[in-house]
PDB file of N, CA and C in Angstrom:
ATOM      1  N   MET A   1     -44.556 -29.747 -13.451  1.00  0.00           N
ATOM      2  CA  MET A   1     -44.305 -29.738 -12.027  1.00  0.00           C
ATOM      3  C   MET A   1     -44.557 -31.124 -11.421  1.00  0.00           C
ATOM      4  N   LYS A   2     -45.614 -31.777 -11.895  1.00  0.00           N
ATOM      5  CA  LYS A   2     -45.939 -33.109 -11.416  1.00  0.00           C
ATOM      6  C   LYS A   2     -44.821 -34.096 -11.772  1.00  0.00           C
ATOM      7  N   ALA A   3     -44.272 -33.967 -12.948  1.00  0.00           N
ATOM      8  CA  ALA A   3     -43.199 -34.855 -13.394  1.00  0.00           C
ATOM      9  C   ALA A   3     -41.957 -34.683 -12.526  1.00  0.00           C
ATOM     10  N   VAL A   4     -41.650 -33.466 -12.126  1.00  0.00           N
ATOM     11  CA  VAL A   4     -40.489 -33.204 -11.278  1.00  0.00           C
ATOM     12  C   VAL A   4     -40.698 -33.848  -9.901  1.00  0.00           C
ATOM     13  N   ALA A   5     -41.885 -33.733  -9.358  1.00  0.00           N
ATOM     14  CA  ALA A   5     -42.179 -34.327  -8.050  1.00  0.00           C
ATOM     15  C   ALA A   5     -42.061 -35.845  -8.116  1.00  0.00           C
ATOM     16  N   ILE A   6     -42.554 -36.433  -9.175  1.00  0.00           N
ATOM     17  CA  ILE A   6     -42.459 -37.889  -9.341  1.00  0.00           C
ATOM     18  C   ILE A   6     -41.004 -38.303  -9.487  1.00  0.00           C
ATOM     19  N   LEU A   7     -40.236 -37.553 -10.248  1.00  0.00           N
ATOM     20  CA  LEU A   7     -38.817 -37.849 -10.429  1.00  0.00           C
ATOM     21  C   LEU A   7     -38.075 -37.785  -9.093  1.00  0.00           C
ATOM     22  N   VAL A   8     -38.370 -36.784  -8.290  1.00  0.00           N
ATOM     23  CA  VAL A   8     -37.730 -36.648  -6.982  1.00  0.00           C
ATOM     24  C   VAL A   8     -38.074 -37.853  -6.101  1.00  0.00           C
ATOM     25  N   LEU A   9     -39.330 -38.272  -6.101  1.00  0.00           N
ATOM     26  CA  LEU A   9     -39.738 -39.432  -5.313  1.00  0.00           C
ATOM     27  C   LEU A   9     -39.043 -40.707  -5.784  1.00  0.00           C
ATOM     28  N   VAL A  10     -38.906 -40.864  -7.082  1.00  0.00           N
ATOM     29  CA  VAL A  10     -38.224 -42.041  -7.627  1.00  0.00           C
ATOM     30  C   VAL A  10     -36.748 -42.040  -7.209  1.00  0.00           C
ATOM     31  N   VAL A  11     -36.097 -40.896  -7.302  1.00  0.00           N
ATOM     32  CA  VAL A  11     -34.689 -40.791  -6.913  1.00  0.00           C
ATOM     33  C   VAL A  11     -34.531 -41.115  -5.427  1.00  0.00           C
ATOM     34  N   LEU A  12     -35.411 -40.577  -4.583  1.00  0.00           N
ATOM     35  CA  LEU A  12     -35.342 -40.862  -3.149  1.00  0.00           C
ATOM     36  C   LEU A  12     -35.551 -42.349  -2.867  1.00  0.00           C
ATOM     37  N   ALA A  13     -36.468 -42.962  -3.575  1.00  0.00           N
ATOM     38  CA  ALA A  13     -36.721 -44.391  -3.393  1.00  0.00           C
ATOM     39  C   ALA A  13     -35.498 -45.217  -3.780  1.00  0.00           C
ATOM     40  N   VAL A  14     -34.855 -44.868  -4.876  1.00  0.00           N
ATOM     41  CA  VAL A  14     -33.659 -45.586  -5.325  1.00  0.00           C
ATOM     42  C   VAL A  14     -32.528 -45.423  -4.319  1.00  0.00           C
ATOM     43  N   VAL A  15     -32.347 -44.220  -3.800  1.00  0.00           N
ATOM     44  CA  VAL A  15     -31.297 -43.980  -2.813  1.00  0.00           C
ATOM     45  C   VAL A  15     -31.574 -44.801  -1.557  1.00  0.00           C
ATOM     46  N   GLN A  16     -32.816 -44.822  -1.105  1.00  0.00           N
ATOM     47  CA  GLN A  16     -33.184 -45.599   0.079  1.00  0.00           C
ATOM     48  C   GLN A  16     -32.914 -47.090  -0.143  1.00  0.00           C
ATOM     49  N   LEU A  17     -33.292 -47.607  -1.287  1.00  0.00           N
ATOM     50  CA  LEU A  17     -33.048 -49.018  -1.588  1.00  0.00           C
ATOM     51  C   LEU A  17     -31.562 -49.330  -1.617  1.00  0.00           C
ATOM     52  N   ALA A  18     -30.778 -48.430  -2.169  1.00  0.00           N
ATOM     53  CA  ALA A  18     -29.332 -48.637  -2.236  1.00  0.00           C
ATOM     54  C   ALA A  18     -28.735 -48.667  -0.837  1.00  0.00           C
ATOM     55  N   MET A  19     -29.217 -47.820   0.049  1.00  0.00           N
ATOM     56  CA  MET A  19     -28.700 -47.799   1.414  1.00  0.00           C
ATOM     57  C   MET A  19     -29.056 -49.081   2.153  1.00  0.00           C
ATOM     58  N   VAL A  20     -30.262 -49.575   1.972  1.00  0.00           N
ATOM     59  CA  VAL A  20     -30.688 -50.817   2.619  1.00  0.00           C
ATOM     60  C   VAL A  20     -29.889 -51.992   2.069  1.00  0.00           C
ATOM     61  N   ALA A  21     -29.650 -52.003   0.773  1.00  0.00           N
ATOM     62  CA  ALA A  21     -28.936 -53.122   0.144  1.00  0.00           C
ATOM     63  C   ALA A  21     -27.477 -53.182   0.590  1.00  0.00           C
ATOM     64  N   ARG A  22     -26.869 -52.030   0.895  1.00  0.00           N
ATOM     65  CA  ARG A  22     -25.460 -51.988   1.239  1.00  0.00           C
ATOM     66  C   ARG A  22     -25.148 -52.516   2.626  1.00  0.00           C
ATOM     67  N   GLY A  23     -26.023 -52.367   3.538  1.00  0.00           N
ATOM     68  CA  GLY A  23     -25.690 -52.741   4.902  1.00  0.00           C
ATOM     69  C   GLY A  23     -26.938 -52.963   5.704  1.00  0.00           C
ATOM     70  N   ALA A  24     -26.976 -52.332   6.845  1.00  0.00           N
ATOM     71  CA  ALA A  24     -28.148 -52.382   7.705  1.00  0.00           C
ATOM     72  C   ALA A  24     -28.554 -53.826   8.009  1.00  0.00           C
ATOM     73  N   ILE A  25     -27.658 -54.528   8.657  1.00  0.00           N
ATOM     74  CA  ILE A  25     -27.946 -55.900   9.047  1.00  0.00           C
ATOM     75  C   ILE A  25     -29.132 -55.899  10.017  1.00  0.00           C
ATOM     76  N   THR A  26     -29.946 -56.937   9.963  1.00  0.00           N
ATOM     77  CA  THR A  26     -31.131 -57.019  10.809  1.00  0.00           C
ATOM     78  C   THR A  26     -31.035 -58.229  11.741  1.00  0.00           C
ATOM     79  N   CYS A  27     -31.816 -58.178  12.806  1.00  0.00           N
ATOM     80  CA  CYS A  27     -31.846 -59.332  13.722  1.00  0.00           C
ATOM     81  C   CYS A  27     -32.425 -60.555  13.021  1.00  0.00           C
ATOM     82  N   GLY A  28     -33.309 -60.343  12.076  1.00  0.00           N
ATOM     83  CA  GLY A  28     -33.838 -61.468  11.309  1.00  0.00           C
ATOM     84  C   GLY A  28     -32.738 -62.196  10.555  1.00  0.00           C
ATOM     85  N   GLN A  29     -31.813 -61.424   9.969  1.00  0.00           N
ATOM     86  CA  GLN A  29     -30.688 -62.032   9.256  1.00  0.00           C
ATOM     87  C   GLN A  29     -29.767 -62.770  10.228  1.00  0.00           C
ATOM     88  N   VAL A  30     -29.510 -62.144  11.369  1.00  0.00           N
ATOM     89  CA  VAL A  30     -28.646 -62.768  12.375  1.00  0.00           C
ATOM     90  C   VAL A  30     -29.265 -64.077  12.851  1.00  0.00           C
ATOM     91  N   ASP A  31     -30.562 -64.023  13.188  1.00  0.00           N
ATOM     92  CA  ASP A  31     -31.253 -65.224  13.657  1.00  0.00           C
ATOM     93  C   ASP A  31     -31.231 -66.330  12.607  1.00  0.00           C
ATOM     94  N   ALA A  32     -31.490 -65.966  11.357  1.00  0.00           N
ATOM     95  CA  ALA A  32     -31.508 -66.966  10.285  1.00  0.00           C
ATOM     96  C   ALA A  32     -30.125 -67.599  10.098  1.00  0.00           C
ATOM     97  N   ASN A  33     -29.075 -66.796  10.206  1.00  0.00           N
ATOM     98  CA  ASN A  33     -27.722 -67.324  10.034  1.00  0.00           C
ATOM     99  C   ASN A  33     -27.297 -68.219  11.184  1.00  0.00           C
ATOM    100  N   LEU A  34     -27.756 -67.911  12.388  1.00  0.00           N
ATOM    101  CA  LEU A  34     -27.324 -68.687  13.546  1.00  0.00           C
ATOM    102  C   LEU A  34     -28.286 -69.807  13.937  1.00  0.00           C
ATOM    103  N   ALA A  35     -29.461 -69.858  13.344  1.00  0.00           N
ATOM    104  CA  ALA A  35     -30.441 -70.900  13.681  1.00  0.00           C
ATOM    105  C   ALA A  35     -29.864 -72.317  13.561  1.00  0.00           C
ATOM    106  N   PRO A  36     -29.074 -72.617  12.522  1.00  0.00           N
ATOM    107  CA  PRO A  36     -28.522 -73.978  12.437  1.00  0.00           C
ATOM    108  C   PRO A  36     -27.520 -74.306  13.557  1.00  0.00           C
ATOM    109  N   CYS A  37     -27.125 -73.290  14.318  1.00  0.00           N
ATOM    110  CA  CYS A  37     -26.139 -73.492  15.388  1.00  0.00           C
ATOM    111  C   CYS A  37     -26.780 -73.834  16.731  1.00  0.00           C
ATOM    112  N   VAL A  38     -28.090 -73.707  16.834  1.00  0.00           N
ATOM    113  CA  VAL A  38     -28.760 -73.921  18.120  1.00  0.00           C
ATOM    114  C   VAL A  38     -28.448 -75.298  18.711  1.00  0.00           C
ATOM    115  N   PRO A  39     -28.499 -76.382  17.947  1.00  0.00           N
ATOM    116  CA  PRO A  39     -28.159 -77.685  18.557  1.00  0.00           C
ATOM    117  C   PRO A  39     -26.742 -77.714  19.149  1.00  0.00           C
ATOM    118  N   PHE A  40     -25.784 -77.172  18.424  1.00  0.00           N
ATOM    119  CA  PHE A  40     -24.413 -77.131  18.938  1.00  0.00           C
ATOM    120  C   PHE A  40     -24.329 -76.255  20.184  1.00  0.00           C
ATOM    121  N   LEU A  41     -24.978 -75.103  20.145  1.00  0.00           N
ATOM    122  CA  LEU A  41     -24.891 -74.149  21.251  1.00  0.00           C
ATOM    123  C   LEU A  41     -25.604 -74.627  22.512  1.00  0.00           C
ATOM    124  N   THR A  42     -26.578 -75.506  22.366  1.00  0.00           N
ATOM    125  CA  THR A  42     -27.323 -75.978  23.532  1.00  0.00           C
ATOM    126  C   THR A  42     -26.917 -77.386  23.973  1.00  0.00           C
ATOM    127  N   GLN A  43     -26.360 -78.177  23.047  1.00  0.00           N
ATOM    128  CA  GLN A  43     -26.030 -79.561  23.382  1.00  0.00           C
ATOM    129  C   GLN A  43     -24.538 -79.875  23.298  1.00  0.00           C
ATOM    130  N   GLY A  44     -23.779 -79.013  22.618  1.00  0.00           N
ATOM    131  CA  GLY A  44     -22.353 -79.264  22.459  1.00  0.00           C
ATOM    132  C   GLY A  44     -22.089 -80.137  21.242  1.00  0.00           C
ATOM    133  N   GLY A  45     -20.945 -80.781  21.233  1.00  0.00           N
ATOM    134  CA  GLY A  45     -20.552 -81.603  20.092  1.00  0.00           C
ATOM    135  C   GLY A  45     -19.774 -80.789  19.090  1.00  0.00           C
ATOM    136  N   GLU A  46     -20.107 -80.954  17.837  1.00  0.00           N
ATOM    137  CA  GLU A  46     -19.449 -80.216  16.755  1.00  0.00           C
ATOM    138  C   GLU A  46     -20.505 -79.453  15.954  1.00  0.00           C
ATOM    139  N   PRO A  47     -20.204 -78.226  15.546  1.00  0.00           N
ATOM    140  CA  PRO A  47     -21.170 -77.484  14.728  1.00  0.00           C
ATOM    141  C   PRO A  47     -21.256 -78.098  13.328  1.00  0.00           C
ATOM    142  N   GLY A  48     -22.433 -78.087  12.761  1.00  0.00           N
ATOM    143  CA  GLY A  48     -22.623 -78.614  11.419  1.00  0.00           C
ATOM    144  C   GLY A  48     -22.190 -77.631  10.354  1.00  0.00           C
ATOM    145  N   ALA A  49     -22.161 -78.097   9.124  1.00  0.00           N
ATOM    146  CA  ALA A  49     -21.742 -77.260   7.996  1.00  0.00           C
ATOM    147  C   ALA A  49     -22.662 -76.058   7.820  1.00  0.00           C
ATOM    148  N   ALA A  50     -23.970 -76.252   8.007  1.00  0.00           N
ATOM    149  CA  ALA A  50     -24.919 -75.137   7.855  1.00  0.00           C
ATOM    150  C   ALA A  50     -24.675 -74.081   8.925  1.00  0.00           C
ATOM    151  N   CYS A  51     -24.337 -74.524  10.130  1.00  0.00           N
ATOM    152  CA  CYS A  51     -24.023 -73.597  11.215  1.00  0.00           C
ATOM    153  C   CYS A  51     -22.793 -72.756  10.846  1.00  0.00           C
ATOM    154  N   CYS A  52     -21.729 -73.422  10.453  1.00  0.00           N
ATOM    155  CA  CYS A  52     -20.494 -72.699  10.108  1.00  0.00           C
ATOM    156  C   CYS A  52     -20.698 -71.777   8.914  1.00  0.00           C
ATOM    157  N   SER A  53     -21.491 -72.197   7.966  1.00  0.00           N
ATOM    158  CA  SER A  53     -21.806 -71.346   6.824  1.00  0.00           C
ATOM    159  C   SER A  53     -22.530 -70.085   7.293  1.00  0.00           C
ATOM    160  N   GLY A  54     -23.464 -70.246   8.222  1.00  0.00           N
ATOM    161  CA  GLY A  54     -24.195 -69.097   8.756  1.00  0.00           C
ATOM    162  C   GLY A  54     -23.292 -68.147   9.521  1.00  0.00           C
ATOM    163  N   VAL A  55     -22.363 -68.701  10.308  1.00  0.00           N
ATOM    164  CA  VAL A  55     -21.422 -67.875  11.060  1.00  0.00           C
ATOM    165  C   VAL A  55     -20.538 -67.093  10.092  1.00  0.00           C
ATOM    166  N   LYS A  56     -20.085 -67.744   9.034  1.00  0.00           N
ATOM    167  CA  LYS A  56     -19.249 -67.068   8.033  1.00  0.00           C
ATOM    168  C   LYS A  56     -20.028 -65.980   7.314  1.00  0.00           C
ATOM    169  N   THR A  57     -21.279 -66.250   6.993  1.00  0.00           N
ATOM    170  CA  THR A  57     -22.115 -65.246   6.333  1.00  0.00           C
ATOM    171  C   THR A  57     -22.328 -64.046   7.253  1.00  0.00           C
ATOM    172  N   LEU A  58     -22.656 -64.324   8.498  1.00  0.00           N
ATOM    173  CA  LEU A  58     -22.861 -63.249   9.465  1.00  0.00           C
ATOM    174  C   LEU A  58     -21.601 -62.409   9.613  1.00  0.00           C
ATOM    175  N   ASN A  59     -20.475 -63.059   9.726  1.00  0.00           N
ATOM    176  CA  ASN A  59     -19.208 -62.340   9.851  1.00  0.00           C
ATOM    177  C   ASN A  59     -18.941 -61.473   8.626  1.00  0.00           C
ATOM    178  N   GLY A  60     -19.233 -61.986   7.451  1.00  0.00           N
ATOM    179  CA  GLY A  60     -19.027 -61.216   6.223  1.00  0.00           C
ATOM    180  C   GLY A  60     -19.974 -60.043   6.090  1.00  0.00           C
ATOM    181  N   ASN A  61     -21.189 -60.182   6.631  1.00  0.00           N
ATOM    182  CA  ASN A  61     -22.176 -59.109   6.524  1.00  0.00           C
ATOM    183  C   ASN A  61     -21.979 -58.017   7.557  1.00  0.00           C
ATOM    184  N   ALA A  62     -21.291 -58.302   8.627  1.00  0.00           N
ATOM    185  CA  ALA A  62     -21.104 -57.334   9.708  1.00  0.00           C
ATOM    186  C   ALA A  62     -19.745 -56.653   9.565  1.00  0.00           C
ATOM    187  N   GLN A  63     -19.600 -55.827   8.559  1.00  0.00           N
ATOM    188  CA  GLN A  63     -18.314 -55.197   8.285  1.00  0.00           C
ATOM    189  C   GLN A  63     -18.177 -53.807   8.895  1.00  0.00           C
ATOM    190  N   SER A  64     -19.239 -53.008   8.856  1.00  0.00           N
ATOM    191  CA  SER A  64     -19.144 -51.660   9.404  1.00  0.00           C
ATOM    192  C   SER A  64     -19.312 -51.704  10.918  1.00  0.00           C
ATOM    193  N   SER A  65     -18.906 -50.653  11.581  1.00  0.00           N
ATOM    194  CA  SER A  65     -19.037 -50.562  13.029  1.00  0.00           C
ATOM    195  C   SER A  65     -20.509 -50.647  13.447  1.00  0.00           C
ATOM    196  N   ASP A  66     -21.380 -49.968  12.717  1.00  0.00           N
ATOM    197  CA  ASP A  66     -22.809 -50.015  13.034  1.00  0.00           C
ATOM    198  C   ASP A  66     -23.374 -51.412  12.837  1.00  0.00           C
ATOM    199  N   ASP A  67     -22.975 -52.086  11.764  1.00  0.00           N
ATOM    200  CA  ASP A  67     -23.446 -53.452  11.519  1.00  0.00           C
ATOM    201  C   ASP A  67     -22.962 -54.402  12.609  1.00  0.00           C
ATOM    202  N   ARG A  68     -21.706 -54.237  13.047  1.00  0.00           N
ATOM    203  CA  ARG A  68     -21.167 -55.100  14.101  1.00  0.00           C
ATOM    204  C   ARG A  68     -21.914 -54.868  15.416  1.00  0.00           C
ATOM    205  N   LYS A  69     -22.207 -53.614  15.705  1.00  0.00           N
ATOM    206  CA  LYS A  69     -22.942 -53.295  16.938  1.00  0.00           C
ATOM    207  C   LYS A  69     -24.353 -53.879  16.882  1.00  0.00           C
ATOM    208  N   THR A  70     -25.016 -53.721  15.749  1.00  0.00           N
ATOM    209  CA  THR A  70     -26.362 -54.282  15.589  1.00  0.00           C
ATOM    210  C   THR A  70     -26.325 -55.791  15.702  1.00  0.00           C
ATOM    211  N   ALA A  71     -25.384 -56.418  14.997  1.00  0.00           N
ATOM    212  CA  ALA A  71     -25.268 -57.874  15.040  1.00  0.00           C
ATOM    213  C   ALA A  71     -24.973 -58.347  16.458  1.00  0.00           C
ATOM    214  N   CYS A  72     -24.122 -57.650  17.150  1.00  0.00           N
ATOM    215  CA  CYS A  72     -23.786 -58.001  18.532  1.00  0.00           C
ATOM    216  C   CYS A  72     -25.041 -57.983  19.403  1.00  0.00           C
ATOM    217  N   ASN A  73     -25.823 -56.918  19.299  1.00  0.00           N
ATOM    218  CA  ASN A  73     -27.056 -56.822  20.086  1.00  0.00           C
ATOM    219  C   ASN A  73     -28.051 -57.920  19.707  1.00  0.00           C
ATOM    220  N   CYS A  74     -28.124 -58.245  18.436  1.00  0.00           N
ATOM    221  CA  CYS A  74     -29.016 -59.310  17.980  1.00  0.00           C
ATOM    222  C   CYS A  74     -28.566 -60.667  18.508  1.00  0.00           C
ATOM    223  N   VAL A  75     -27.253 -60.919  18.462  1.00  0.00           N
ATOM    224  CA  VAL A  75     -26.702 -62.181  18.963  1.00  0.00           C
ATOM    225  C   VAL A  75     -26.947 -62.283  20.463  1.00  0.00           C
ATOM    226  N   LYS A  76     -26.745 -61.182  21.172  1.00  0.00           N
ATOM    227  CA  LYS A  76     -26.957 -61.166  22.621  1.00  0.00           C
ATOM    228  C   LYS A  76     -28.422 -61.460  22.945  1.00  0.00           C
ATOM    229  N   ALA A  77     -29.334 -60.837  22.223  1.00  0.00           N
ATOM    230  CA  ALA A  77     -30.772 -61.076  22.446  1.00  0.00           C
ATOM    231  C   ALA A  77     -31.124 -62.530  22.127  1.00  0.00           C
ATOM    232  N   ALA A  78     -30.571 -63.050  21.041  1.00  0.00           N
ATOM    233  CA  ALA A  78     -30.844 -64.441  20.670  1.00  0.00           C
ATOM    234  C   ALA A  78     -30.298 -65.395  21.727  1.00  0.00           C
ATOM    235  N   ALA A  79     -29.100 -65.132  22.210  1.00  0.00           N
ATOM    236  CA  ALA A  79     -28.497 -65.995  23.230  1.00  0.00           C
ATOM    237  C   ALA A  79     -29.341 -66.010  24.501  1.00  0.00           C
ATOM    238  N   ASN A  80     -29.924 -64.877  24.839  1.00  0.00           N
ATOM    239  CA  ASN A  80     -30.745 -64.799  26.048  1.00  0.00           C
ATOM    240  C   ASN A  80     -32.086 -65.511  25.913  1.00  0.00           C
ATOM    241  N   ARG A  81     -32.474 -65.850  24.696  1.00  0.00           N
ATOM    242  CA  ARG A  81     -33.709 -66.620  24.488  1.00  0.00           C
ATOM    243  C   ARG A  81     -33.513 -68.108  24.780  1.00  0.00           C
ATOM    244  N   TYR A  82     -32.280 -68.531  24.915  1.00  0.00           N
ATOM    245  CA  TYR A  82     -31.972 -69.943  25.156  1.00  0.00           C
ATOM    246  C   TYR A  82     -31.297 -70.094  26.523  1.00  0.00           C
ATOM    247  N   PRO A  83     -32.081 -70.381  27.565  1.00  0.00           N
ATOM    248  CA  PRO A  83     -31.489 -70.486  28.896  1.00  0.00           C
ATOM    249  C   PRO A  83     -30.485 -71.636  29.020  1.00  0.00           C
ATOM    250  N   ASN A  84     -30.592 -72.633  28.146  1.00  0.00           N
ATOM    251  CA  ASN A  84     -29.667 -73.769  28.213  1.00  0.00           C
ATOM    252  C   ASN A  84     -28.479 -73.616  27.255  1.00  0.00           C
ATOM    253  N   LEU A  85     -28.256 -72.409  26.750  1.00  0.00           N
ATOM    254  CA  LEU A  85     -27.115 -72.158  25.879  1.00  0.00           C
ATOM    255  C   LEU A  85     -25.823 -72.342  26.668  1.00  0.00           C
ATOM    256  N   LYS A  86     -24.913 -73.078  26.110  1.00  0.00           N
ATOM    257  CA  LYS A  86     -23.629 -73.332  26.767  1.00  0.00           C
ATOM    258  C   LYS A  86     -22.657 -72.230  26.365  1.00  0.00           C
ATOM    259  N   ASP A  87     -22.241 -71.444  27.364  1.00  0.00           N
ATOM    260  CA  ASP A  87     -21.348 -70.318  27.083  1.00  0.00           C
ATOM    261  C   ASP A  87     -20.038 -70.762  26.447  1.00  0.00           C
ATOM    262  N   ASP A  88     -19.503 -71.902  26.888  1.00  0.00           N
ATOM    263  CA  ASP A  88     -18.242 -72.373  26.309  1.00  0.00           C
ATOM    264  C   ASP A  88     -18.417 -72.769  24.846  1.00  0.00           C
ATOM    265  N   ALA A  89     -19.581 -73.324  24.506  1.00  0.00           N
ATOM    266  CA  ALA A  89     -19.854 -73.671  23.106  1.00  0.00           C
ATOM    267  C   ALA A  89     -19.952 -72.398  22.272  1.00  0.00           C
ATOM    268  N   ALA A  90     -20.632 -71.375  22.814  1.00  0.00           N
ATOM    269  CA  ALA A  90     -20.777 -70.109  22.086  1.00  0.00           C
ATOM    270  C   ALA A  90     -19.421 -69.468  21.834  1.00  0.00           C
ATOM    271  N   GLN A  91     -18.576 -69.476  22.837  1.00  0.00           N
ATOM    272  CA  GLN A  91     -17.258 -68.857  22.685  1.00  0.00           C
ATOM    273  C   GLN A  91     -16.350 -69.634  21.747  1.00  0.00           C
ATOM    274  N   SER A  92     -16.548 -70.947  21.664  1.00  0.00           N
ATOM    275  CA  SER A  92     -15.687 -71.760  20.795  1.00  0.00           C
ATOM    276  C   SER A  92     -16.209 -71.865  19.364  1.00  0.00           C
ATOM    277  N   LEU A  93     -17.435 -71.417  19.126  1.00  0.00           N
ATOM    278  CA  LEU A  93     -18.049 -71.590  17.805  1.00  0.00           C
ATOM    279  C   LEU A  93     -17.198 -71.039  16.661  1.00  0.00           C
ATOM    280  N   PRO A  94     -16.743 -69.791  16.727  1.00  0.00           N
ATOM    281  CA  PRO A  94     -15.944 -69.287  15.591  1.00  0.00           C
ATOM    282  C   PRO A  94     -14.718 -70.145  15.298  1.00  0.00           C
ATOM    283  N   SER A  95     -13.965 -70.503  16.336  1.00  0.00           N
ATOM    284  CA  SER A  95     -12.756 -71.289  16.077  1.00  0.00           C
ATOM    285  C   SER A  95     -13.095 -72.679  15.565  1.00  0.00           C
ATOM    286  N   LYS A  96     -14.194 -73.264  16.047  1.00  0.00           N
ATOM    287  CA  LYS A  96     -14.598 -74.582  15.546  1.00  0.00           C
ATOM    288  C   LYS A  96     -15.012 -74.510  14.079  1.00  0.00           C
ATOM    289  N   CYS A  97     -15.456 -73.337  13.649  1.00  0.00           N
ATOM    290  CA  CYS A  97     -15.823 -73.152  12.243  1.00  0.00           C
ATOM    291  C   CYS A  97     -14.642 -72.639  11.418  1.00  0.00           C
ATOM    292  N   GLY A  98     -13.506 -72.452  12.078  1.00  0.00           N
ATOM    293  CA  GLY A  98     -12.291 -72.057  11.370  1.00  0.00           C
ATOM    294  C   GLY A  98     -12.250 -70.604  10.949  1.00  0.00           C
ATOM    295  N   ILE A  99     -12.916 -69.747  11.704  1.00  0.00           N
ATOM    296  CA  ILE A  99     -12.884 -68.324  11.355  1.00  0.00           C
ATOM    297  C   ILE A  99     -12.673 -67.479  12.603  1.00  0.00           C
ATOM    298  N   SER A 100     -12.322 -66.247  12.369  1.00  0.00           N
ATOM    299  CA  SER A 100     -12.204 -65.257  13.427  1.00  0.00           C
ATOM    300  C   SER A 100     -13.342 -64.273  13.217  1.00  0.00           C
ATOM    301  N   VAL A 101     -14.202 -64.110  14.215  1.00  0.00           N
ATOM    302  CA  VAL A 101     -15.350 -63.219  14.045  1.00  0.00           C
ATOM    303  C   VAL A 101     -15.129 -61.914  14.773  1.00  0.00           C
ATOM    304  N   ASN A 102     -15.790 -60.881  14.257  1.00  0.00           N
ATOM    305  CA  ASN A 102     -15.710 -59.584  14.899  1.00  0.00           C
ATOM    306  C   ASN A 102     -16.981 -59.277  15.690  1.00  0.00           C
ATOM    307  N   VAL A 103     -17.845 -60.290  15.855  1.00  0.00           N
ATOM    308  CA  VAL A 103     -19.046 -60.158  16.680  1.00  0.00           C
ATOM    309  C   VAL A 103     -19.022 -61.287  17.696  1.00  0.00           C
ATOM    310  N   PRO A 104     -18.809 -60.970  18.968  1.00  0.00           N
ATOM    311  CA  PRO A 104     -18.756 -62.032  19.967  1.00  0.00           C
ATOM    312  C   PRO A 104     -20.117 -62.685  20.171  1.00  0.00           C
ATOM    313  N   ILE A 105     -20.116 -63.960  20.499  1.00  0.00           N
ATOM    314  CA  ILE A 105     -21.352 -64.683  20.772  1.00  0.00           C
ATOM    315  C   ILE A 105     -21.399 -64.902  22.277  1.00  0.00           C
ATOM    316  N   SER A 106     -22.157 -64.062  22.959  1.00  0.00           N
ATOM    317  CA  SER A 106     -22.211 -64.092  24.409  1.00  0.00           C
ATOM    318  C   SER A 106     -23.471 -63.391  24.905  1.00  0.00           C
ATOM    319  N   ARG A 107     -23.956 -63.813  26.066  1.00  0.00           N
ATOM    320  CA  ARG A 107     -25.102 -63.152  26.688  1.00  0.00           C
ATOM    321  C   ARG A 107     -24.719 -61.877  27.399  1.00  0.00           C
ATOM    322  N   THR A 108     -23.465 -61.740  27.750  1.00  0.00           N
ATOM    323  CA  THR A 108     -23.050 -60.651  28.628  1.00  0.00           C
ATOM    324  C   THR A 108     -22.127 -59.615  27.980  1.00  0.00           C
ATOM    325  N   VAL A 109     -21.850 -59.760  26.715  1.00  0.00           N
ATOM    326  CA  VAL A 109     -20.929 -58.841  26.047  1.00  0.00           C
ATOM    327  C   VAL A 109     -21.503 -57.423  26.028  1.00  0.00           C
ATOM    328  N   ASN A 110     -20.639 -56.432  26.152  1.00  0.00           N
ATOM    329  CA  ASN A 110     -21.041 -55.034  26.025  1.00  0.00           C
ATOM    330  C   ASN A 110     -20.917 -54.659  24.544  1.00  0.00           C
ATOM    331  N   CYS A 111     -22.031 -54.548  23.875  1.00  0.00           N
ATOM    332  CA  CYS A 111     -22.023 -54.306  22.428  1.00  0.00           C
ATOM    333  C   CYS A 111     -21.656 -52.876  22.056  1.00  0.00           C
ATOM    334  N   ASP A 112     -21.536 -52.014  23.047  1.00  0.00           N
ATOM    335  CA  ASP A 112     -21.157 -50.626  22.762  1.00  0.00           C
ATOM    336  C   ASP A 112     -19.643 -50.442  22.655  1.00  0.00           C
ATOM    337  N   THR A 113     -18.878 -51.485  23.008  1.00  0.00           N
ATOM    338  CA  THR A 113     -17.428 -51.352  22.942  1.00  0.00           C
ATOM    339  C   THR A 113     -16.843 -52.085  21.763  1.00  0.00           C
TER     340      THR A 113
END
């Protein structure tokens, strides 16, 4: 009986790990990917390679509807932490990095839509 209980716990742990590994983007991941973009977003100019790499990674990780919604809320919260963030720089970031993103970078976006 003890062996069956342990087996059930192991199976549940593996299933949980698999679910976490597949998706479930976090604000920590969003922040880490966009951190290299802060100079561009606050001062303008051109985004660096690390910034564009982070934007591409974030875009690739936010594939499901739930991931996009989470990422959107994380981006919105991060944008609101920088009062000197230039909205035009944020909106131009994806195109300057040569990609089309499915998560808008804005303080005012409605992440539920």
